Amino acid sequence: MFIAIGAFWLSFTSLADLAARSGIGAGQAWAWPLIVDDIIVVATVAVVALAGQKAAWYPWALLIGGVSSSGFGRGGVLRVWLSL
């Protein structure tokens, strides 16, 4: 449980910082990590629920996009690009 809480906190603070550096106001920057992480959760549930169906492409696209956004944000790739 401690690891999950720590991972959530690191993800949240990294993505909120990225949002703030991207020009999103401090009053709204906290919402960015919640949106990204919620997209990942909802898309994962949809992928499992629609397994084997043609309609599963859309949640897969959301899942890949959400994980990519989260990974780039936490990895610092976008922060480096924003500082250029």
PDB file of N, CA and C in Angstrom:
ATOM      1  N   MET A   1       0.822  -1.185   0.000  1.00  0.00           N
ATOM      2  CA  MET A   1       0.000   0.000   0.000  1.00  0.00           C
ATOM      3  C   MET A   1       0.872   1.258   0.000  1.00  0.00           C
ATOM      4  N   PHE A   2       1.965   1.233   0.754  1.00  0.00           N
ATOM      5  CA  PHE A   2       2.865   2.379   0.834  1.00  0.00           C
ATOM      6  C   PHE A   2       3.466   2.693  -0.533  1.00  0.00           C
ATOM      7  N   ILE A   3       3.802   1.654  -1.280  1.00  0.00           N
ATOM      8  CA  ILE A   3       4.385   1.848  -2.608  1.00  0.00           C
ATOM      9  C   ILE A   3       3.366   2.494  -3.546  1.00  0.00           C
ATOM     10  N   ALA A   4       2.117   2.046  -3.487  1.00  0.00           N
ATOM     11  CA  ALA A   4       1.073   2.617  -4.340  1.00  0.00           C
ATOM     12  C   ALA A   4       0.838   4.088  -4.018  1.00  0.00           C
ATOM     13  N   ILE A   5       0.818   4.439  -2.752  1.00  0.00           N
ATOM     14  CA  ILE A   5       0.625   5.830  -2.347  1.00  0.00           C
ATOM     15  C   ILE A   5       1.803   6.683  -2.809  1.00  0.00           C
ATOM     16  N   GLY A   6       3.006   6.171  -2.642  1.00  0.00           N
ATOM     17  CA  GLY A   6       4.197   6.894  -3.090  1.00  0.00           C
ATOM     18  C   GLY A   6       4.210   7.086  -4.597  1.00  0.00           C
ATOM     19  N   ALA A   7       3.834   6.046  -5.343  1.00  0.00           N
ATOM     20  CA  ALA A   7       3.796   6.147  -6.805  1.00  0.00           C
ATOM     21  C   ALA A   7       2.749   7.163  -7.246  1.00  0.00           C
ATOM     22  N   PHE A   8       1.593   7.144  -6.595  1.00  0.00           N
ATOM     23  CA  PHE A   8       0.558   8.122  -6.928  1.00  0.00           C
ATOM     24  C   PHE A   8       1.051   9.536  -6.654  1.00  0.00           C
ATOM     25  N   TRP A   9       1.679   9.738  -5.512  1.00  0.00           N
ATOM     26  CA  TRP A   9       2.142  11.081  -5.151  1.00  0.00           C
ATOM     27  C   TRP A   9       3.199  11.589  -6.133  1.00  0.00           C
ATOM     28  N   LEU A  10       4.154  10.732  -6.494  1.00  0.00           N
ATOM     29  CA  LEU A  10       5.179  11.142  -7.454  1.00  0.00           C
ATOM     30  C   LEU A  10       4.573  11.448  -8.819  1.00  0.00           C
ATOM     31  N   SER A  11       3.652  10.622  -9.266  1.00  0.00           N
ATOM     32  CA  SER A  11       2.988  10.851 -10.541  1.00  0.00           C
ATOM     33  C   SER A  11       2.195  12.153 -10.504  1.00  0.00           C
ATOM     34  N   PHE A  12       1.448  12.355  -9.432  1.00  0.00           N
ATOM     35  CA  PHE A  12       0.615  13.547  -9.306  1.00  0.00           C
ATOM     36  C   PHE A  12       1.455  14.818  -9.316  1.00  0.00           C
ATOM     37  N   THR A  13       2.503  14.854  -8.512  1.00  0.00           N
ATOM     38  CA  THR A  13       3.309  16.074  -8.427  1.00  0.00           C
ATOM     39  C   THR A  13       4.060  16.346  -9.726  1.00  0.00           C
ATOM     40  N   SER A  14       4.543  15.300 -10.387  1.00  0.00           N
ATOM     41  CA  SER A  14       5.257  15.487 -11.654  1.00  0.00           C
ATOM     42  C   SER A  14       4.338  16.033 -12.740  1.00  0.00           C
ATOM     43  N   LEU A  15       3.147  15.458 -12.860  1.00  0.00           N
ATOM     44  CA  LEU A  15       2.229  15.908 -13.890  1.00  0.00           C
ATOM     45  C   LEU A  15       1.646  17.287 -13.578  1.00  0.00           C
ATOM     46  N   ALA A  16       1.427  17.589 -12.306  1.00  0.00           N
ATOM     47  CA  ALA A  16       0.954  18.935 -11.937  1.00  0.00           C
ATOM     48  C   ALA A  16       2.027  19.975 -12.239  1.00  0.00           C
ATOM     49  N   ASP A  17       3.283  19.624 -11.977  1.00  0.00           N
ATOM     50  CA  ASP A  17       4.389  20.527 -12.296  1.00  0.00           C
ATOM     51  C   ASP A  17       4.487  20.747 -13.802  1.00  0.00           C
ATOM     52  N   LEU A  18       4.331  19.683 -14.574  1.00  0.00           N
ATOM     53  CA  LEU A  18       4.361  19.791 -16.029  1.00  0.00           C
ATOM     54  C   LEU A  18       3.240  20.701 -16.518  1.00  0.00           C
ATOM     55  N   ALA A  19       2.057  20.548 -15.962  1.00  0.00           N
ATOM     56  CA  ALA A  19       0.930  21.396 -16.362  1.00  0.00           C
ATOM     57  C   ALA A  19       1.218  22.859 -16.047  1.00  0.00           C
ATOM     58  N   ALA A  20       1.778  23.116 -14.878  1.00  0.00           N
ATOM     59  CA  ALA A  20       2.100  24.488 -14.489  1.00  0.00           C
ATOM     60  C   ALA A  20       3.152  25.089 -15.411  1.00  0.00           C
ATOM     61  N   ARG A  21       4.165  24.305 -15.772  1.00  0.00           N
ATOM     62  CA  ARG A  21       5.213  24.783 -16.677  1.00  0.00           C
ATOM     63  C   ARG A  21       4.701  24.981 -18.100  1.00  0.00           C
ATOM     64  N   SER A  22       3.598  24.326 -18.422  1.00  0.00           N
ATOM     65  CA  SER A  22       3.015  24.451 -19.758  1.00  0.00           C
ATOM     66  C   SER A  22       2.107  25.665 -19.872  1.00  0.00           C
ATOM     67  N   GLY A  23       1.945  26.391 -18.780  1.00  0.00           N
ATOM     68  CA  GLY A  23       1.135  27.600 -18.822  1.00  0.00           C
ATOM     69  C   GLY A  23      -0.236  27.463 -18.206  1.00  0.00           C
ATOM     70  N   ILE A  24      -0.567  26.304 -17.672  1.00  0.00           N
ATOM     71  CA  ILE A  24      -1.851  26.132 -16.995  1.00  0.00           C
ATOM     72  C   ILE A  24      -1.727  26.756 -15.609  1.00  0.00           C
ATOM     73  N   GLY A  25      -2.713  27.533 -15.218  1.00  0.00           N
ATOM     74  CA  GLY A  25      -2.675  28.227 -13.936  1.00  0.00           C
ATOM     75  C   GLY A  25      -2.587  27.281 -12.754  1.00  0.00           C
ATOM     76  N   ALA A  26      -2.014  27.768 -11.657  1.00  0.00           N
ATOM     77  CA  ALA A  26      -1.827  26.940 -10.464  1.00  0.00           C
ATOM     78  C   ALA A  26      -3.151  26.415  -9.921  1.00  0.00           C
ATOM     79  N   GLY A  27      -4.212  27.184 -10.092  1.00  0.00           N
ATOM     80  CA  GLY A  27      -5.521  26.751  -9.612  1.00  0.00           C
ATOM     81  C   GLY A  27      -6.111  25.599 -10.401  1.00  0.00           C
ATOM     82  N   GLN A  28      -5.583  25.362 -11.614  1.00  0.00           N
ATOM     83  CA  GLN A  28      -6.087  24.281 -12.461  1.00  0.00           C
ATOM     84  C   GLN A  28      -5.065  23.187 -12.721  1.00  0.00           C
ATOM     85  N   ALA A  29      -3.814  23.428 -12.421  1.00  0.00           N
ATOM     86  CA  ALA A  29      -2.756  22.454 -12.715  1.00  0.00           C
ATOM     87  C   ALA A  29      -2.963  21.133 -11.984  1.00  0.00           C
ATOM     88  N   TRP A  30      -3.596  21.176 -10.837  1.00  0.00           N
ATOM     89  CA  TRP A  30      -3.824  19.945 -10.066  1.00  0.00           C
ATOM     90  C   TRP A  30      -4.778  18.986 -10.791  1.00  0.00           C
ATOM     91  N   ALA A  31      -5.622  19.518 -11.699  1.00  0.00           N
ATOM     92  CA  ALA A  31      -6.594  18.673 -12.388  1.00  0.00           C
ATOM     93  C   ALA A  31      -5.946  17.817 -13.483  1.00  0.00           C
ATOM     94  N   TRP A  32      -4.854  18.279 -14.065  1.00  0.00           N
ATOM     95  CA  TRP A  32      -4.205  17.546 -15.159  1.00  0.00           C
ATOM     96  C   TRP A  32      -3.821  16.116 -14.759  1.00  0.00           C
ATOM     97  N   PRO A  33      -3.127  15.902 -13.627  1.00  0.00           N
ATOM     98  CA  PRO A  33      -2.784  14.519 -13.286  1.00  0.00           C
ATOM     99  C   PRO A  33      -4.007  13.653 -13.024  1.00  0.00           C
ATOM    100  N   LEU A  34      -5.056  14.237 -12.465  1.00  0.00           N
ATOM    101  CA  LEU A  34      -6.270  13.453 -12.231  1.00  0.00           C
ATOM    102  C   LEU A  34      -6.912  13.032 -13.543  1.00  0.00           C
ATOM    103  N   ILE A  35      -6.924  13.930 -14.515  1.00  0.00           N
ATOM    104  CA  ILE A  35      -7.504  13.606 -15.820  1.00  0.00           C
ATOM    105  C   ILE A  35      -6.700  12.508 -16.503  1.00  0.00           C
ATOM    106  N   VAL A  36      -5.388  12.651 -16.527  1.00  0.00           N
ATOM    107  CA  VAL A  36      -4.533  11.650 -17.188  1.00  0.00           C
ATOM    108  C   VAL A  36      -4.663  10.289 -16.514  1.00  0.00           C
ATOM    109  N   ASP A  37      -4.580  10.253 -15.190  1.00  0.00           N
ATOM    110  CA  ASP A  37      -4.664   8.972 -14.480  1.00  0.00           C
ATOM    111  C   ASP A  37      -6.056   8.362 -14.584  1.00  0.00           C
ATOM    112  N   ASP A  38      -7.099   9.193 -14.572  1.00  0.00           N
ATOM    113  CA  ASP A  38      -8.457   8.660 -14.724  1.00  0.00           C
ATOM    114  C   ASP A  38      -8.677   8.079 -16.122  1.00  0.00           C
ATOM    115  N   ILE A  39      -8.103   8.713 -17.145  1.00  0.00           N
ATOM    116  CA  ILE A  39      -8.204   8.156 -18.496  1.00  0.00           C
ATOM    117  C   ILE A  39      -7.572   6.771 -18.534  1.00  0.00           C
ATOM    118  N   ILE A  40      -6.437   6.618 -17.879  1.00  0.00           N
ATOM    119  CA  ILE A  40      -5.758   5.314 -17.856  1.00  0.00           C
ATOM    120  C   ILE A  40      -6.630   4.266 -17.168  1.00  0.00           C
ATOM    121  N   VAL A  41      -7.220   4.616 -16.038  1.00  0.00           N
ATOM    122  CA  VAL A  41      -8.058   3.661 -15.291  1.00  0.00           C
ATOM    123  C   VAL A  41      -9.296   3.280 -16.091  1.00  0.00           C
ATOM    124  N   VAL A  42     -10.012   4.270 -16.607  1.00  0.00           N
ATOM    125  CA  VAL A  42     -11.243   3.997 -17.351  1.00  0.00           C
ATOM    126  C   VAL A  42     -10.945   3.216 -18.629  1.00  0.00           C
ATOM    127  N   ALA A  43      -9.893   3.575 -19.340  1.00  0.00           N
ATOM    128  CA  ALA A  43      -9.535   2.861 -20.563  1.00  0.00           C
ATOM    129  C   ALA A  43      -9.145   1.419 -20.273  1.00  0.00           C
ATOM    130  N   THR A  44      -8.444   1.180 -19.163  1.00  0.00           N
ATOM    131  CA  THR A  44      -8.068  -0.184 -18.798  1.00  0.00           C
ATOM    132  C   THR A  44      -9.305  -1.039 -18.538  1.00  0.00           C
ATOM    133  N   VAL A  45     -10.262  -0.495 -17.806  1.00  0.00           N
ATOM    134  CA  VAL A  45     -11.505  -1.229 -17.532  1.00  0.00           C
ATOM    135  C   VAL A  45     -12.252  -1.500 -18.832  1.00  0.00           C
ATOM    136  N   ALA A  46     -12.293  -0.512 -19.728  1.00  0.00           N
ATOM    137  CA  ALA A  46     -12.988  -0.689 -21.010  1.00  0.00           C
ATOM    138  C   ALA A  46     -12.299  -1.726 -21.886  1.00  0.00           C
ATOM    139  N   VAL A  47     -10.976  -1.746 -21.893  1.00  0.00           N
ATOM    140  CA  VAL A  47     -10.234  -2.741 -22.683  1.00  0.00           C
ATOM    141  C   VAL A  47     -10.569  -4.148 -22.196  1.00  0.00           C
ATOM    142  N   VAL A  48     -10.620  -4.333 -20.893  1.00  0.00           N
ATOM    143  CA  VAL A  48     -10.952  -5.651 -20.342  1.00  0.00           C
ATOM    144  C   VAL A  48     -12.402  -6.018 -20.658  1.00  0.00           C
ATOM    145  N   ALA A  49     -13.309  -5.042 -20.514  1.00  0.00           N
ATOM    146  CA  ALA A  49     -14.729  -5.316 -20.753  1.00  0.00           C
ATOM    147  C   ALA A  49     -15.013  -5.606 -22.227  1.00  0.00           C
ATOM    148  N   LEU A  50     -14.284  -4.979 -23.129  1.00  0.00           N
ATOM    149  CA  LEU A  50     -14.525  -5.150 -24.557  1.00  0.00           C
ATOM    150  C   LEU A  50     -13.543  -6.100 -25.224  1.00  0.00           C
ATOM    151  N   ALA A  51     -12.875  -6.915 -24.458  1.00  0.00           N
ATOM    152  CA  ALA A  51     -11.869  -7.835 -24.999  1.00  0.00           C
ATOM    153  C   ALA A  51     -12.459  -8.684 -26.126  1.00  0.00           C
ATOM    154  N   GLY A  52     -11.757  -8.682 -27.256  1.00  0.00           N
ATOM    155  CA  GLY A  52     -12.171  -9.500 -28.387  1.00  0.00           C
ATOM    156  C   GLY A  52     -13.201  -8.856 -29.297  1.00  0.00           C
ATOM    157  N   GLN A  53     -13.657  -7.654 -28.976  1.00  0.00           N
ATOM    158  CA  GLN A  53     -14.656  -6.982 -29.806  1.00  0.00           C
ATOM    159  C   GLN A  53     -13.986  -5.912 -30.672  1.00  0.00           C
ATOM    160  N   LYS A  54     -14.629  -5.573 -31.789  1.00  0.00           N
ATOM    161  CA  LYS A  54     -14.081  -4.560 -32.686  1.00  0.00           C
ATOM    162  C   LYS A  54     -14.008  -3.194 -32.019  1.00  0.00           C
ATOM    163  N   ALA A  55     -14.939  -2.908 -31.134  1.00  0.00           N
ATOM    164  CA  ALA A  55     -14.999  -1.592 -30.485  1.00  0.00           C
ATOM    165  C   ALA A  55     -13.857  -1.365 -29.494  1.00  0.00           C
ATOM    166  N   ALA A  56     -13.041  -2.348 -29.255  1.00  0.00           N
ATOM    167  CA  ALA A  56     -11.952  -2.229 -28.278  1.00  0.00           C
ATOM    168  C   ALA A  56     -10.824  -1.330 -28.767  1.00  0.00           C
ATOM    169  N   TRP A  57     -10.800  -0.954 -30.031  1.00  0.00           N
ATOM    170  CA  TRP A  57      -9.714  -0.103 -30.540  1.00  0.00           C
ATOM    171  C   TRP A  57      -9.711   1.259 -29.852  1.00  0.00           C
ATOM    172  N   TYR A  58     -10.878   1.802 -29.566  1.00  0.00           N
ATOM    173  CA  TYR A  58     -10.950   3.140 -28.979  1.00  0.00           C
ATOM    174  C   TYR A  58     -10.375   3.186 -27.558  1.00  0.00           C
ATOM    175  N   PRO A  59     -10.786   2.285 -26.659  1.00  0.00           N
ATOM    176  CA  PRO A  59     -10.150   2.318 -25.338  1.00  0.00           C
ATOM    177  C   PRO A  59      -8.659   2.002 -25.391  1.00  0.00           C
ATOM    178  N   TRP A  60      -8.248   1.163 -26.345  1.00  0.00           N
ATOM    179  CA  TRP A  60      -6.808   0.911 -26.500  1.00  0.00           C
ATOM    180  C   TRP A  60      -6.079   2.194 -26.882  1.00  0.00           C
ATOM    181  N   ALA A  61      -6.670   2.980 -27.784  1.00  0.00           N
ATOM    182  CA  ALA A  61      -6.058   4.249 -28.193  1.00  0.00           C
ATOM    183  C   ALA A  61      -5.978   5.210 -27.005  1.00  0.00           C
ATOM    184  N   LEU A  62      -7.046   5.281 -26.210  1.00  0.00           N
ATOM    185  CA  LEU A  62      -7.029   6.125 -25.011  1.00  0.00           C
ATOM    186  C   LEU A  62      -5.979   5.652 -24.013  1.00  0.00           C
ATOM    187  N   LEU A  63      -5.879   4.349 -23.837  1.00  0.00           N
ATOM    188  CA  LEU A  63      -4.910   3.793 -22.896  1.00  0.00           C
ATOM    189  C   LEU A  63      -3.482   4.109 -23.332  1.00  0.00           C
ATOM    190  N   ILE A  64      -3.189   3.921 -24.588  1.00  0.00           N
ATOM    191  CA  ILE A  64      -1.844   4.215 -25.099  1.00  0.00           C
ATOM    192  C   ILE A  64      -1.541   5.704 -24.980  1.00  0.00           C
ATOM    193  N   GLY A  65      -2.512   6.543 -25.326  1.00  0.00           N
ATOM    194  CA  GLY A  65      -2.315   7.984 -25.205  1.00  0.00           C
ATOM    195  C   GLY A  65      -2.127   8.433 -23.768  1.00  0.00           C
ATOM    196  N   GLY A  66      -2.916   7.888 -22.861  1.00  0.00           N
ATOM    197  CA  GLY A  66      -2.796   8.249 -21.450  1.00  0.00           C
ATOM    198  C   GLY A  66      -1.478   7.807 -20.846  1.00  0.00           C
ATOM    199  N   VAL A  67      -1.068   6.589 -21.138  1.00  0.00           N
ATOM    200  CA  VAL A  67       0.195   6.086 -20.605  1.00  0.00           C
ATOM    201  C   VAL A  67       1.365   6.871 -21.196  1.00  0.00           C
ATOM    202  N   SER A  68       1.271   7.212 -22.474  1.00  0.00           N
ATOM    203  CA  SER A  68       2.337   8.003 -23.096  1.00  0.00           C
ATOM    204  C   SER A  68       2.436   9.382 -22.458  1.00  0.00           C
ATOM    205  N   SER A  69       1.303  10.035 -22.265  1.00  0.00           N
ATOM    206  CA  SER A  69       1.300  11.361 -21.628  1.00  0.00           C
ATOM    207  C   SER A  69       1.875  11.299 -20.224  1.00  0.00           C
ATOM    208  N   SER A  70       1.451  10.303 -19.487  1.00  0.00           N
ATOM    209  CA  SER A  70       1.930  10.158 -18.120  1.00  0.00           C
ATOM    210  C   SER A  70       3.420   9.849 -18.088  1.00  0.00           C
ATOM    211  N   GLY A  71       3.854   8.958 -18.957  1.00  0.00           N
ATOM    212  CA  GLY A  71       5.263   8.575 -18.987  1.00  0.00           C
ATOM    213  C   GLY A  71       6.175   9.700 -19.414  1.00  0.00           C
ATOM    214  N   PHE A  72       5.785  10.431 -20.458  1.00  0.00           N
ATOM    215  CA  PHE A  72       6.595  11.561 -20.898  1.00  0.00           C
ATOM    216  C   PHE A  72       6.654  12.636 -19.824  1.00  0.00           C
ATOM    217  N   GLY A  73       5.536  12.868 -19.175  1.00  0.00           N
ATOM    218  CA  GLY A  73       5.499  13.892 -18.129  1.00  0.00           C
ATOM    219  C   GLY A  73       6.367  13.542 -16.942  1.00  0.00           C
ATOM    220  N   ARG A  74       6.282  12.297 -16.507  1.00  0.00           N
ATOM    221  CA  ARG A  74       7.087  11.882 -15.356  1.00  0.00           C
ATOM    222  C   ARG A  74       8.548  11.714 -15.720  1.00  0.00           C
ATOM    223  N   GLY A  75       8.805  11.332 -16.965  1.00  0.00           N
ATOM    224  CA  GLY A  75      10.185  11.100 -17.388  1.00  0.00           C
ATOM    225  C   GLY A  75      10.956  12.369 -17.632  1.00  0.00           C
ATOM    226  N   GLY A  76      10.270  13.475 -17.672  1.00  0.00           N
ATOM    227  CA  GLY A  76      10.962  14.743 -17.854  1.00  0.00           C
ATOM    228  C   GLY A  76      11.206  15.127 -19.293  1.00  0.00           C
ATOM    229  N   VAL A  77      10.757  14.300 -20.246  1.00  0.00           N
ATOM    230  CA  VAL A  77      10.995  14.588 -21.656  1.00  0.00           C
ATOM    231  C   VAL A  77      10.339  15.918 -22.032  1.00  0.00           C
ATOM    232  N   LEU A  78       9.085  16.089 -21.649  1.00  0.00           N
ATOM    233  CA  LEU A  78       8.397  17.341 -21.990  1.00  0.00           C
ATOM    234  C   LEU A  78       8.980  18.524 -21.248  1.00  0.00           C
ATOM    235  N   ARG A  79       9.466  18.302 -20.054  1.00  0.00           N
ATOM    236  CA  ARG A  79      10.083  19.404 -19.311  1.00  0.00           C
ATOM    237  C   ARG A  79      11.322  19.933 -20.024  1.00  0.00           C
ATOM    238  N   VAL A  80      12.097  19.034 -20.600  1.00  0.00           N
ATOM    239  CA  VAL A  80      13.281  19.449 -21.344  1.00  0.00           C
ATOM    240  C   VAL A  80      12.865  20.224 -22.581  1.00  0.00           C
ATOM    241  N   TRP A  81      11.858  19.727 -23.315  1.00  0.00           N
ATOM    242  CA  TRP A  81      11.390  20.428 -24.494  1.00  0.00           C
ATOM    243  C   TRP A  81      10.829  21.796 -24.140  1.00  0.00           C
ATOM    244  N   LEU A  82      10.123  21.905 -23.028  1.00  0.00           N
ATOM    245  CA  LEU A  82       9.542  23.181 -22.625  1.00  0.00           C
ATOM    246  C   LEU A  82      10.614  24.192 -22.211  1.00  0.00           C
ATOM    247  N   SER A  83      11.754  23.721 -21.765  1.00  0.00           N
ATOM    248  CA  SER A  83      12.801  24.630 -21.327  1.00  0.00           C
ATOM    249  C   SER A  83      13.636  25.166 -22.490  1.00  0.00           C
ATOM    250  N   LEU A  84      13.472  24.597 -23.672  1.00  0.00           N
ATOM    251  CA  LEU A  84      14.247  25.057 -24.846  1.00  0.00           C
ATOM    252  C   LEU A  84      13.745  26.383 -25.362  1.00  0.00           C
TER     253      LEU A  84
END
